[in-house]
Every structure is written in structure tokens, then in C-alpha cells.
Amino acid sequence: METRLFIKEYNSFYKENKEKLKSLCIHLEDYTINIVTLEEKEILVEWSILGWTIISVAGKTNGFKKKTYESLETLLKNVSLAFDEQWIGNLLKKLLKYEKKTRYQTMYDNYI
């Protein structure tokens, strides 16, 4: 995932949706995305070298398939019922554009 584009997309998304958000945190070191809506609904998604994993939805760590998916696209197809807020799904779909082309590239390579 290219860090510069990831940040640009995050800033754009935040401007478009800030009235719906209580908080939105993205940690670039481990590509963790934590979204909390005004209704206290939270989705925590994490990227690792193994792929994308939903850690929790609305504060719950169960009720969805706890599995690591190769891409966000695959994750969304398999756990779409967990996303009752369409705009959250839209954010994750946008991030697909910036996913690493070479999954085994190190995080260090993004800064070179």
C-alpha cells in the first residue's frame, strides 16, 4: 500500500464524512483502521503481511467470520453483512485502490 495515497484518501474520506464520525484513526505503521460512528458503532480493521482482518464490529469480536483475507475486496465479499453502514463499506472499497501490488514487499519499501 502506498502510504502517500493512503493518507490522501483518508483525508478526503474524513472531510466527506466528518459529520457521521465520532472518531477515525489510521495507524500507518501497522495499517490499522479504527472507525467509530456517532452511534458508537465501531469497526476495527487491520492489515498485516498475511492480509486484511476485521478485529471487531460494533465492539464485538464475534458474529462474523474471524479470518484473514488476501484483499479488502475478498474481506468485503465475505463479511458484507457486518457492514450495516454503507459509507463504511465505501471507505474500505476506496482503500482497495491503494493496496500493495506486491504483498510480500516490506513496509520499509514504501518509504524509499
PDB file of N, CA and C in Angstrom:
ATOM      1  N   MET A   1       0.852  -1.175   0.000  1.00  0.00           N
ATOM      2  CA  MET A   1       0.000   0.000   0.000  1.00  0.00           C
ATOM      3  C   MET A   1       0.891   1.229   0.000  1.00  0.00           C
ATOM      4  N   GLU A   2       0.635   2.159  -0.888  1.00  0.00           N
ATOM      5  CA  GLU A   2       1.447   3.364  -0.940  1.00  0.00           C
ATOM      6  C   GLU A   2       0.967   4.349   0.114  1.00  0.00           C
ATOM      7  N   THR A   3       1.840   4.673   1.043  1.00  0.00           N
ATOM      8  CA  THR A   3       1.474   5.478   2.207  1.00  0.00           C
ATOM      9  C   THR A   3       0.917   6.843   1.820  1.00  0.00           C
ATOM     10  N   ARG A   4       1.539   7.527   0.877  1.00  0.00           N
ATOM     11  CA  ARG A   4       1.105   8.875   0.491  1.00  0.00           C
ATOM     12  C   ARG A   4      -0.341   8.860  -0.013  1.00  0.00           C
ATOM     13  N   LEU A   5      -0.678   7.912  -0.857  1.00  0.00           N
ATOM     14  CA  LEU A   5      -2.038   7.815  -1.387  1.00  0.00           C
ATOM     15  C   LEU A   5      -3.020   7.391  -0.305  1.00  0.00           C
ATOM     16  N   PHE A   6      -2.574   6.546   0.589  1.00  0.00           N
ATOM     17  CA  PHE A   6      -3.395   6.104   1.715  1.00  0.00           C
ATOM     18  C   PHE A   6      -3.806   7.311   2.563  1.00  0.00           C
ATOM     19  N   ILE A   7      -2.860   8.195   2.862  1.00  0.00           N
ATOM     20  CA  ILE A   7      -3.140   9.398   3.655  1.00  0.00           C
ATOM     21  C   ILE A   7      -4.070  10.332   2.896  1.00  0.00           C
ATOM     22  N   LYS A   8      -3.845  10.494   1.606  1.00  0.00           N
ATOM     23  CA  LYS A   8      -4.696  11.363   0.789  1.00  0.00           C
ATOM     24  C   LYS A   8      -6.143  10.871   0.804  1.00  0.00           C
ATOM     25  N   GLU A   9      -6.330   9.587   0.639  1.00  0.00           N
ATOM     26  CA  GLU A   9      -7.674   9.011   0.653  1.00  0.00           C
ATOM     27  C   GLU A   9      -8.323   9.177   2.024  1.00  0.00           C
ATOM     28  N   TYR A  10      -7.546   8.982   3.069  1.00  0.00           N
ATOM     29  CA  TYR A  10      -8.045   9.160   4.434  1.00  0.00           C
ATOM     30  C   TYR A  10      -8.530  10.592   4.644  1.00  0.00           C
ATOM     31  N   ASN A  11      -7.727  11.580   4.248  1.00  0.00           N
ATOM     32  CA  ASN A  11      -8.109  12.984   4.428  1.00  0.00           C
ATOM     33  C   ASN A  11      -9.376  13.317   3.658  1.00  0.00           C
ATOM     34  N   SER A  12      -9.473  12.823   2.441  1.00  0.00           N
ATOM     35  CA  SER A  12     -10.659  13.053   1.620  1.00  0.00           C
ATOM     36  C   SER A  12     -11.894  12.425   2.262  1.00  0.00           C
ATOM     37  N   PHE A  13     -11.752  11.182   2.711  1.00  0.00           N
ATOM     38  CA  PHE A  13     -12.864  10.491   3.350  1.00  0.00           C
ATOM     39  C   PHE A  13     -13.310  11.227   4.610  1.00  0.00           C
ATOM     40  N   TYR A  14     -12.352  11.690   5.401  1.00  0.00           N
ATOM     41  CA  TYR A  14     -12.691  12.377   6.644  1.00  0.00           C
ATOM     42  C   TYR A  14     -13.482  13.656   6.362  1.00  0.00           C
ATOM     43  N   LYS A  15     -13.060  14.437   5.374  1.00  0.00           N
ATOM     44  CA  LYS A  15     -13.767  15.676   5.027  1.00  0.00           C
ATOM     45  C   LYS A  15     -15.199  15.385   4.590  1.00  0.00           C
ATOM     46  N   GLU A  16     -15.384  14.320   3.808  1.00  0.00           N
ATOM     47  CA  GLU A  16     -16.709  13.975   3.294  1.00  0.00           C
ATOM     48  C   GLU A  16     -17.640  13.431   4.371  1.00  0.00           C
ATOM     49  N   ASN A  17     -17.093  12.818   5.411  1.00  0.00           N
ATOM     50  CA  ASN A  17     -17.921  12.088   6.375  1.00  0.00           C
ATOM     51  C   ASN A  17     -17.778  12.530   7.822  1.00  0.00           C
ATOM     52  N   LYS A  18     -17.112  13.663   8.074  1.00  0.00           N
ATOM     53  CA  LYS A  18     -16.826  14.026   9.463  1.00  0.00           C
ATOM     54  C   LYS A  18     -18.073  14.227  10.310  1.00  0.00           C
ATOM     55  N   GLU A  19     -19.202  14.589   9.702  1.00  0.00           N
ATOM     56  CA  GLU A  19     -20.433  14.760  10.488  1.00  0.00           C
ATOM     57  C   GLU A  19     -21.003  13.425  10.966  1.00  0.00           C
ATOM     58  N   LYS A  20     -20.562  12.316  10.386  1.00  0.00           N
ATOM     59  CA  LYS A  20     -21.034  10.988  10.787  1.00  0.00           C
ATOM     60  C   LYS A  20     -20.102  10.317  11.792  1.00  0.00           C
ATOM     61  N   LEU A  21     -18.911  10.897  11.956  1.00  0.00           N
ATOM     62  CA  LEU A  21     -17.871  10.232  12.732  1.00  0.00           C
ATOM     63  C   LEU A  21     -17.721  10.775  14.141  1.00  0.00           C
ATOM     64  N   LYS A  22     -17.530   9.877  15.055  1.00  0.00           N
ATOM     65  CA  LYS A  22     -17.057  10.283  16.375  1.00  0.00           C
ATOM     66  C   LYS A  22     -15.534  10.306  16.329  1.00  0.00           C
ATOM     67  N   SER A  23     -14.961   9.291  15.715  1.00  0.00           N
ATOM     68  CA  SER A  23     -13.509   9.287  15.511  1.00  0.00           C
ATOM     69  C   SER A  23     -13.132   8.363  14.361  1.00  0.00           C
ATOM     70  N   LEU A  24     -11.993   8.653  13.778  1.00  0.00           N
ATOM     71  CA  LEU A  24     -11.429   7.823  12.716  1.00  0.00           C
ATOM     72  C   LEU A  24      -9.922   7.874  12.880  1.00  0.00           C
ATOM     73  N   CYS A  25      -9.331   6.751  13.200  1.00  0.00           N
ATOM     74  CA  CYS A  25      -7.881   6.699  13.418  1.00  0.00           C
ATOM     75  C   CYS A  25      -7.263   5.685  12.474  1.00  0.00           C
ATOM     76  N   ILE A  26      -6.208   6.095  11.818  1.00  0.00           N
ATOM     77  CA  ILE A  26      -5.468   5.190  10.959  1.00  0.00           C
ATOM     78  C   ILE A  26      -4.020   5.201  11.417  1.00  0.00           C
ATOM     79  N   HIS A  27      -3.518   4.045  11.775  1.00  0.00           N
ATOM     80  CA  HIS A  27      -2.127   3.917  12.207  1.00  0.00           C
ATOM     81  C   HIS A  27      -1.332   3.335  11.052  1.00  0.00           C
ATOM     82  N   LEU A  28      -0.474   4.150  10.472  1.00  0.00           N
ATOM     83  CA  LEU A  28       0.234   3.738   9.268  1.00  0.00           C
ATOM     84  C   LEU A  28       1.276   2.654   9.511  1.00  0.00           C
ATOM     85  N   GLU A  29       1.799   2.578  10.732  1.00  0.00           N
ATOM     86  CA  GLU A  29       2.835   1.585  10.990  1.00  0.00           C
ATOM     87  C   GLU A  29       2.321   0.168  10.756  1.00  0.00           C
ATOM     88  N   ASP A  30       1.093  -0.094  11.191  1.00  0.00           N
ATOM     89  CA  ASP A  30       0.549  -1.443  11.027  1.00  0.00           C
ATOM     90  C   ASP A  30      -0.725  -1.467  10.182  1.00  0.00           C
ATOM     91  N   TYR A  31      -1.033  -0.336   9.539  1.00  0.00           N
ATOM     92  CA  TYR A  31      -2.223  -0.233   8.700  1.00  0.00           C
ATOM     93  C   TYR A  31      -3.482  -0.682   9.425  1.00  0.00           C
ATOM     94  N   THR A  32      -3.663  -0.168  10.627  1.00  0.00           N
ATOM     95  CA  THR A  32      -4.872  -0.430  11.390  1.00  0.00           C
ATOM     96  C   THR A  32      -5.817   0.742  11.204  1.00  0.00           C
ATOM     97  N   ILE A  33      -7.067   0.444  10.906  1.00  0.00           N
ATOM     98  CA  ILE A  33      -8.087   1.470  10.715  1.00  0.00           C
ATOM     99  C   ILE A  33      -9.137   1.284  11.794  1.00  0.00           C
ATOM    100  N   ASN A  34      -9.378   2.314  12.580  1.00  0.00           N
ATOM    101  CA  ASN A  34     -10.382   2.252  13.633  1.00  0.00           C
ATOM    102  C   ASN A  34     -11.419   3.333  13.357  1.00  0.00           C
ATOM    103  N   ILE A  35     -12.646   2.914  13.098  1.00  0.00           N
ATOM    104  CA  ILE A  35     -13.734   3.827  12.748  1.00  0.00           C
ATOM    105  C   ILE A  35     -14.785   3.768  13.842  1.00  0.00           C
ATOM    106  N   VAL A  36     -15.162   4.918  14.393  1.00  0.00           N
ATOM    107  CA  VAL A  36     -16.250   4.964  15.367  1.00  0.00           C
ATOM    108  C   VAL A  36     -17.263   5.991  14.883  1.00  0.00           C
ATOM    109  N   THR A  37     -18.498   5.558  14.693  1.00  0.00           N
ATOM    110  CA  THR A  37     -19.546   6.468  14.242  1.00  0.00           C
ATOM    111  C   THR A  37     -20.171   7.177  15.435  1.00  0.00           C
ATOM    112  N   LEU A  38     -20.993   8.176  15.159  1.00  0.00           N
ATOM    113  CA  LEU A  38     -21.669   8.903  16.231  1.00  0.00           C
ATOM    114  C   LEU A  38     -22.585   7.992  17.029  1.00  0.00           C
ATOM    115  N   GLU A  39     -23.061   6.917  16.414  1.00  0.00           N
ATOM    116  CA  GLU A  39     -23.933   5.963  17.105  1.00  0.00           C
ATOM    117  C   GLU A  39     -23.122   4.950  17.903  1.00  0.00           C
ATOM    118  N   GLU A  40     -21.832   5.228  18.072  1.00  0.00           N
ATOM    119  CA  GLU A  40     -20.928   4.355  18.833  1.00  0.00           C
ATOM    120  C   GLU A  40     -20.682   3.017  18.140  1.00  0.00           C
ATOM    121  N   LYS A  41     -20.971   2.951  16.849  1.00  0.00           N
ATOM    122  CA  LYS A  41     -20.643   1.740  16.101  1.00  0.00           C
ATOM    123  C   LYS A  41     -19.179   1.829  15.709  1.00  0.00           C
ATOM    124  N   GLU A  42     -18.470   0.766  15.924  1.00  0.00           N
ATOM    125  CA  GLU A  42     -17.033   0.768  15.670  1.00  0.00           C
ATOM    126  C   GLU A  42     -16.643  -0.425  14.810  1.00  0.00           C
ATOM    127  N   ILE A  43     -15.746  -0.162  13.882  1.00  0.00           N
ATOM    128  CA  ILE A  43     -15.166  -1.241  13.093  1.00  0.00           C
ATOM    129  C   ILE A  43     -13.654  -1.085  13.150  1.00  0.00           C
ATOM    130  N   LEU A  44     -12.974  -2.132  13.521  1.00  0.00           N
ATOM    131  CA  LEU A  44     -11.513  -2.127  13.573  1.00  0.00           C
ATOM    132  C   LEU A  44     -11.007  -3.129  12.545  1.00  0.00           C
ATOM    133  N   VAL A  45     -10.249  -2.641  11.580  1.00  0.00           N
ATOM    134  CA  VAL A  45      -9.712  -3.470  10.503  1.00  0.00           C
ATOM    135  C   VAL A  45      -8.193  -3.374  10.560  1.00  0.00           C
ATOM    136  N   GLU A  46      -7.528  -4.489  10.364  1.00  0.00           N
ATOM    137  CA  GLU A  46      -6.066  -4.493  10.461  1.00  0.00           C
ATOM    138  C   GLU A  46      -5.456  -5.161   9.241  1.00  0.00           C
ATOM    139  N   TRP A  47      -4.384  -4.565   8.722  1.00  0.00           N
ATOM    140  CA  TRP A  47      -3.641  -5.160   7.617  1.00  0.00           C
ATOM    141  C   TRP A  47      -2.324  -5.683   8.145  1.00  0.00           C
ATOM    142  N   SER A  48      -1.948  -6.865   7.709  1.00  0.00           N
ATOM    143  CA  SER A  48      -0.628  -7.411   8.021  1.00  0.00           C
ATOM    144  C   SER A  48      -0.099  -8.047   6.750  1.00  0.00           C
ATOM    145  N   ILE A  49       1.087  -8.573   6.808  1.00  0.00           N
ATOM    146  CA  ILE A  49       1.674  -9.222   5.642  1.00  0.00           C
ATOM    147  C   ILE A  49       0.808 -10.395   5.178  1.00  0.00           C
ATOM    148  N   LEU A  50      -0.004 -10.933   6.072  1.00  0.00           N
ATOM    149  CA  LEU A  50      -0.885 -12.055   5.736  1.00  0.00           C
ATOM    150  C   LEU A  50      -2.163 -11.617   5.040  1.00  0.00           C
ATOM    151  N   GLY A  51      -2.557 -10.347   5.208  1.00  0.00           N
ATOM    152  CA  GLY A  51      -3.772  -9.852   4.580  1.00  0.00           C
ATOM    153  C   GLY A  51      -4.581  -8.977   5.518  1.00  0.00           C
ATOM    154  N   TRP A  52      -5.876  -8.822   5.217  1.00  0.00           N
ATOM    155  CA  TRP A  52      -6.790  -7.953   5.957  1.00  0.00           C
ATOM    156  C   TRP A  52      -7.653  -8.765   6.911  1.00  0.00           C
ATOM    157  N   THR A  53      -7.812  -8.255   8.128  1.00  0.00           N
ATOM    158  CA  THR A  53      -8.620  -8.928   9.136  1.00  0.00           C
ATOM    159  C   THR A  53      -9.529  -7.920   9.813  1.00  0.00           C
ATOM    160  N   ILE A  54     -10.804  -8.267   9.987  1.00  0.00           N
ATOM    161  CA  ILE A  54     -11.689  -7.451  10.815  1.00  0.00           C
ATOM    162  C   ILE A  54     -11.475  -7.914  12.242  1.00  0.00           C
ATOM    163  N   ILE A  55     -11.096  -6.989  13.107  1.00  0.00           N
ATOM    164  CA  ILE A  55     -10.834  -7.321  14.501  1.00  0.00           C
ATOM    165  C   ILE A  55     -12.126  -7.253  15.311  1.00  0.00           C
ATOM    166  N   SER A  56     -12.903  -6.201  15.075  1.00  0.00           N
ATOM    167  CA  SER A  56     -14.181  -6.088  15.783  1.00  0.00           C
ATOM    168  C   SER A  56     -15.153  -5.243  14.978  1.00  0.00           C
ATOM    169  N   VAL A  57     -16.442  -5.491  15.178  1.00  0.00           N
ATOM    170  CA  VAL A  57     -17.521  -4.713  14.578  1.00  0.00           C
ATOM    171  C   VAL A  57     -18.462  -4.332  15.706  1.00  0.00           C
ATOM    172  N   ALA A  58     -18.709  -3.041  15.856  1.00  0.00           N
ATOM    173  CA  ALA A  58     -19.593  -2.528  16.910  1.00  0.00           C
ATOM    174  C   ALA A  58     -19.182  -3.053  18.282  1.00  0.00           C
ATOM    175  N   GLY A  59     -17.874  -3.111  18.503  1.00  0.00           N
ATOM    176  CA  GLY A  59     -17.363  -3.547  19.796  1.00  0.00           C
ATOM    177  C   GLY A  59     -17.403  -5.046  20.024  1.00  0.00           C
ATOM    178  N   LYS A  60     -17.896  -5.801  19.052  1.00  0.00           N
ATOM    179  CA  LYS A  60     -17.998  -7.254  19.199  1.00  0.00           C
ATOM    180  C   LYS A  60     -16.912  -7.929  18.378  1.00  0.00           C
ATOM    181  N   THR A  61     -16.345  -8.946  18.952  1.00  0.00           N
ATOM    182  CA  THR A  61     -15.307  -9.688  18.238  1.00  0.00           C
ATOM    183  C   THR A  61     -15.840 -10.996  17.672  1.00  0.00           C
ATOM    184  N   ASN A  62     -17.165 -11.188  17.749  1.00  0.00           N
ATOM    185  CA  ASN A  62     -17.761 -12.385  17.162  1.00  0.00           C
ATOM    186  C   ASN A  62     -18.977 -11.976  16.337  1.00  0.00           C
ATOM    187  N   GLY A  63     -19.629 -12.942  15.702  1.00  0.00           N
ATOM    188  CA  GLY A  63     -20.775 -12.645  14.857  1.00  0.00           C
ATOM    189  C   GLY A  63     -20.389 -12.468  13.398  1.00  0.00           C
ATOM    190  N   PHE A  64     -19.127 -12.605  13.110  1.00  0.00           N
ATOM    191  CA  PHE A  64     -18.654 -12.573  11.736  1.00  0.00           C
ATOM    192  C   PHE A  64     -17.483 -13.544  11.642  1.00  0.00           C
ATOM    193  N   LYS A  65     -17.170 -13.944  10.427  1.00  0.00           N
ATOM    194  CA  LYS A  65     -16.105 -14.928  10.233  1.00  0.00           C
ATOM    195  C   LYS A  65     -14.757 -14.297  10.564  1.00  0.00           C
ATOM    196  N   LYS A  66     -14.131 -14.782  11.622  1.00  0.00           N
ATOM    197  CA  LYS A  66     -12.839 -14.244  12.070  1.00  0.00           C
ATOM    198  C   LYS A  66     -11.747 -14.903  11.242  1.00  0.00           C
ATOM    199  N   LYS A  67     -11.353 -14.236  10.187  1.00  0.00           N
ATOM    200  CA  LYS A  67     -10.426 -14.819   9.239  1.00  0.00           C
ATOM    201  C   LYS A  67      -9.635 -13.701   8.588  1.00  0.00           C
ATOM    202  N   THR A  68      -8.439 -14.005   8.157  1.00  0.00           N
ATOM    203  CA  THR A  68      -7.637 -13.031   7.419  1.00  0.00           C
ATOM    204  C   THR A  68      -7.842 -13.274   5.930  1.00  0.00           C
ATOM    205  N   TYR A  69      -8.154 -12.192   5.215  1.00  0.00           N
ATOM    206  CA  TYR A  69      -8.423 -12.279   3.783  1.00  0.00           C
ATOM    207  C   TYR A  69      -7.273 -11.659   3.002  1.00  0.00           C
ATOM    208  N   GLU A  70      -7.043 -12.184   1.815  1.00  0.00           N
ATOM    209  CA  GLU A  70      -5.930 -11.717   0.992  1.00  0.00           C
ATOM    210  C   GLU A  70      -6.075 -10.253   0.600  1.00  0.00           C
ATOM    211  N   SER A  71      -7.300  -9.806   0.374  1.00  0.00           N
ATOM    212  CA  SER A  71      -7.519  -8.418  -0.032  1.00  0.00           C
ATOM    213  C   SER A  71      -8.756  -7.867   0.658  1.00  0.00           C
ATOM    214  N   LEU A  72      -8.877  -6.548   0.655  1.00  0.00           N
ATOM    215  CA  LEU A  72     -10.081  -5.926   1.201  1.00  0.00           C
ATOM    216  C   LEU A  72     -11.310  -6.342   0.407  1.00  0.00           C
ATOM    217  N   GLU A  73     -11.136  -6.502  -0.898  1.00  0.00           N
ATOM    218  CA  GLU A  73     -12.255  -6.909  -1.744  1.00  0.00           C
ATOM    219  C   GLU A  73     -12.812  -8.255  -1.291  1.00  0.00           C
ATOM    220  N   THR A  74     -11.930  -9.201  -1.048  1.00  0.00           N
ATOM    221  CA  THR A  74     -12.347 -10.520  -0.577  1.00  0.00           C
ATOM    222  C   THR A  74     -12.991 -10.424   0.797  1.00  0.00           C
ATOM    223  N   LEU A  75     -12.395  -9.619   1.667  1.00  0.00           N
ATOM    224  CA  LEU A  75     -12.955  -9.423   3.004  1.00  0.00           C
ATOM    225  C   LEU A  75     -14.385  -8.894   2.911  1.00  0.00           C
ATOM    226  N   LEU A  76     -14.586  -7.873   2.075  1.00  0.00           N
ATOM    227  CA  LEU A  76     -15.916  -7.273   1.947  1.00  0.00           C
ATOM    228  C   LEU A  76     -16.941  -8.264   1.414  1.00  0.00           C
ATOM    229  N   LYS A  77     -16.542  -9.102   0.462  1.00  0.00           N
ATOM    230  CA  LYS A  77     -17.465 -10.095  -0.088  1.00  0.00           C
ATOM    231  C   LYS A  77     -17.890 -11.102   0.974  1.00  0.00           C
ATOM    232  N   ASN A  78     -16.969 -11.459   1.851  1.00  0.00           N
ATOM    233  CA  ASN A  78     -17.236 -12.498   2.837  1.00  0.00           C
ATOM    234  C   ASN A  78     -17.897 -12.009   4.111  1.00  0.00           C
ATOM    235  N   VAL A  79     -17.790 -10.736   4.409  1.00  0.00           N
ATOM    236  CA  VAL A  79     -18.349 -10.241   5.668  1.00  0.00           C
ATOM    237  C   VAL A  79     -19.243  -9.027   5.450  1.00  0.00           C
ATOM    238  N   SER A  80     -19.845  -8.931   4.282  1.00  0.00           N
ATOM    239  CA  SER A  80     -20.642  -7.749   3.959  1.00  0.00           C
ATOM    240  C   SER A  80     -21.794  -7.533   4.931  1.00  0.00           C
ATOM    241  N   LEU A  81     -22.324  -8.571   5.522  1.00  0.00           N
ATOM    242  CA  LEU A  81     -23.421  -8.418   6.476  1.00  0.00           C
ATOM    243  C   LEU A  81     -22.986  -7.676   7.733  1.00  0.00           C
ATOM    244  N   ALA A  82     -21.702  -7.689   8.026  1.00  0.00           N
ATOM    245  CA  ALA A  82     -21.198  -6.986   9.206  1.00  0.00           C
ATOM    246  C   ALA A  82     -21.215  -5.474   9.011  1.00  0.00           C
ATOM    247  N   PHE A  83     -21.284  -5.024   7.765  1.00  0.00           N
ATOM    248  CA  PHE A  83     -21.262  -3.594   7.479  1.00  0.00           C
ATOM    249  C   PHE A  83     -22.673  -3.087   7.239  1.00  0.00           C
ATOM    250  N   ASP A  84     -23.340  -2.630   8.304  1.00  0.00           N
ATOM    251  CA  ASP A  84     -24.685  -2.099   8.131  1.00  0.00           C
ATOM    252  C   ASP A  84     -24.654  -0.620   7.763  1.00  0.00           C
ATOM    253  N   GLU A  85     -23.490  -0.026   7.750  1.00  0.00           N
ATOM    254  CA  GLU A  85     -23.331   1.357   7.321  1.00  0.00           C
ATOM    255  C   GLU A  85     -22.640   1.331   5.960  1.00  0.00           C
ATOM    256  N   GLN A  86     -23.359   1.693   4.907  1.00  0.00           N
ATOM    257  CA  GLN A  86     -22.815   1.620   3.554  1.00  0.00           C
ATOM    258  C   GLN A  86     -21.554   2.466   3.392  1.00  0.00           C
ATOM    259  N   TRP A  87     -21.503   3.629   4.046  1.00  0.00           N
ATOM    260  CA  TRP A  87     -20.351   4.504   3.858  1.00  0.00           C
ATOM    261  C   TRP A  87     -19.074   3.893   4.427  1.00  0.00           C
ATOM    262  N   ILE A  88     -19.190   3.020   5.427  1.00  0.00           N
ATOM    263  CA  ILE A  88     -18.003   2.340   5.948  1.00  0.00           C
ATOM    264  C   ILE A  88     -17.485   1.356   4.899  1.00  0.00           C
ATOM    265  N   GLY A  89     -18.412   0.637   4.288  1.00  0.00           N
ATOM    266  CA  GLY A  89     -18.025  -0.256   3.198  1.00  0.00           C
ATOM    267  C   GLY A  89     -17.380   0.513   2.054  1.00  0.00           C
ATOM    268  N   ASN A  90     -17.912   1.716   1.775  1.00  0.00           N
ATOM    269  CA  ASN A  90     -17.351   2.541   0.710  1.00  0.00           C
ATOM    270  C   ASN A  90     -15.911   2.939   1.007  1.00  0.00           C
ATOM    271  N   LEU A  91     -15.628   3.257   2.272  1.00  0.00           N
ATOM    272  CA  LEU A  91     -14.253   3.605   2.647  1.00  0.00           C
ATOM    273  C   LEU A  91     -13.319   2.436   2.353  1.00  0.00           C
ATOM    274  N   LEU A  92     -13.716   1.250   2.773  1.00  0.00           N
ATOM    275  CA  LEU A  92     -12.850   0.093   2.574  1.00  0.00           C
ATOM    276  C   LEU A  92     -12.664  -0.206   1.089  1.00  0.00           C
ATOM    277  N   LYS A  93     -13.714  -0.005   0.293  1.00  0.00           N
ATOM    278  CA  LYS A  93     -13.592  -0.220  -1.150  1.00  0.00           C
ATOM    279  C   LYS A  93     -12.611   0.773  -1.769  1.00  0.00           C
ATOM    280  N   LYS A  94     -12.651   2.035  -1.295  1.00  0.00           N
ATOM    281  CA  LYS A  94     -11.711   3.030  -1.811  1.00  0.00           C
ATOM    282  C   LYS A  94     -10.276   2.632  -1.508  1.00  0.00           C
ATOM    283  N   LEU A  95     -10.056   2.067  -0.342  1.00  0.00           N
ATOM    284  CA  LEU A  95      -8.704   1.686   0.049  1.00  0.00           C
ATOM    285  C   LEU A  95      -8.146   0.565  -0.823  1.00  0.00           C
ATOM    286  N   LEU A  96      -9.039  -0.173  -1.500  1.00  0.00           N
ATOM    287  CA  LEU A  96      -8.586  -1.234  -2.406  1.00  0.00           C
ATOM    288  C   LEU A  96      -7.603  -0.698  -3.443  1.00  0.00           C
ATOM    289  N   LYS A  97      -7.837   0.542  -3.883  1.00  0.00           N
ATOM    290  CA  LYS A  97      -7.001   1.122  -4.925  1.00  0.00           C
ATOM    291  C   LYS A  97      -5.550   1.251  -4.486  1.00  0.00           C
ATOM    292  N   TYR A  98      -5.345   1.322  -3.175  1.00  0.00           N
ATOM    293  CA  TYR A  98      -4.008   1.601  -2.681  1.00  0.00           C
ATOM    294  C   TYR A  98      -3.356   0.397  -2.023  1.00  0.00           C
ATOM    295  N   GLU A  99      -3.994  -0.733  -2.156  1.00  0.00           N
ATOM    296  CA  GLU A  99      -3.417  -1.939  -1.583  1.00  0.00           C
ATOM    297  C   GLU A  99      -2.120  -2.278  -2.325  1.00  0.00           C
ATOM    298  N   LYS A 100      -1.203  -2.858  -1.631  1.00  0.00           N
ATOM    299  CA  LYS A 100       0.094  -3.193  -2.239  1.00  0.00           C
ATOM    300  C   LYS A 100      -0.088  -4.139  -3.415  1.00  0.00           C
ATOM    301  N   LYS A 101       0.659  -3.871  -4.475  1.00  0.00           N
ATOM    302  CA  LYS A 101       0.635  -4.775  -5.614  1.00  0.00           C
ATOM    303  C   LYS A 101       1.459  -6.022  -5.299  1.00  0.00           C
ATOM    304  N   THR A 102       2.522  -5.851  -4.584  1.00  0.00           N
ATOM    305  CA  THR A 102       3.343  -6.973  -4.147  1.00  0.00           C
ATOM    306  C   THR A 102       3.147  -7.142  -2.660  1.00  0.00           C
ATOM    307  N   ARG A 103       2.409  -8.165  -2.255  1.00  0.00           N
ATOM    308  CA  ARG A 103       2.028  -8.318  -0.856  1.00  0.00           C
ATOM    309  C   ARG A 103       3.205  -8.626   0.055  1.00  0.00           C
ATOM    310  N   TYR A 104       4.277  -9.160  -0.463  1.00  0.00           N
ATOM    311  CA  TYR A 104       5.390  -9.531   0.399  1.00  0.00           C
ATOM    312  C   TYR A 104       6.476  -8.463   0.458  1.00  0.00           C
ATOM    313  N   GLN A 105       6.159  -7.300  -0.097  1.00  0.00           N
ATOM    314  CA  GLN A 105       7.073  -6.165  -0.013  1.00  0.00           C
ATOM    315  C   GLN A 105       7.086  -5.676   1.435  1.00  0.00           C
ATOM    316  N   THR A 106       8.208  -5.260   1.927  1.00  0.00           N
ATOM    317  CA  THR A 106       8.265  -4.823   3.322  1.00  0.00           C
ATOM    318  C   THR A 106       7.707  -3.420   3.463  1.00  0.00           C
ATOM    319  N   MET A 107       7.292  -3.079   4.671  1.00  0.00           N
ATOM    320  CA  MET A 107       6.799  -1.731   4.947  1.00  0.00           C
ATOM    321  C   MET A 107       7.890  -0.698   4.640  1.00  0.00           C
ATOM    322  N   TYR A 108       9.135  -1.084   4.837  1.00  0.00           N
ATOM    323  CA  TYR A 108      10.247  -0.169   4.603  1.00  0.00           C
ATOM    324  C   TYR A 108      10.288   0.288   3.154  1.00  0.00           C
ATOM    325  N   ASP A 109       9.944  -0.589   2.235  1.00  0.00           N
ATOM    326  CA  ASP A 109       9.988  -0.263   0.812  1.00  0.00           C
ATOM    327  C   ASP A 109       9.074   0.898   0.459  1.00  0.00           C
ATOM    328  N   ASN A 110       8.002   1.110   1.206  1.00  0.00           N
ATOM    329  CA  ASN A 110       7.083   2.210   0.930  1.00  0.00           C
ATOM    330  C   ASN A 110       7.724   3.571   1.147  1.00  0.00           C
ATOM    331  N   TYR A 111       8.763   3.624   1.943  1.00  0.00           N
ATOM    332  CA  TYR A 111       9.374   4.909   2.276  1.00  0.00           C
ATOM    333  C   TYR A 111      10.598   5.223   1.429  1.00  0.00           C
ATOM    334  N   ILE A 112      10.960   4.297   0.551  1.00  0.00           N
ATOM    335  CA  ILE A 112      12.137   4.516  -0.305  1.00  0.00           C
ATOM    336  C   ILE A 112      11.744   5.326  -1.518  1.00  0.00           C
TER     337      ILE A 112
END
